[in-house]
Amino acid sequence: MLLSLVEGEYEGDALPEDDFPGRYFAFWRQSDLAAALLAAGFADVNVERVPRPKGEADIVATARR
């Protein structure tokens, strides 16, 4: 499995500068995502931070069942 998520602490539907207002976003921290995947029964969980140009970052996770 491969996941790509936005890193951060935001959760809600009022994301500043969103091109399509009203969408719900839930950002993740690396440690929280790794813990959730392990708790869901995934193995070989690897979560990495991938920087983006404006200082933000994505987190990319790989795991297997």
Foldseek 3Di string as FASTA:
>chain_A
DKDKFWADQDWAQQDPPDPDGRDTHGHHHQVVVQVVCVVVPWPPWDWDWAADDVGTTMIMIDTHD
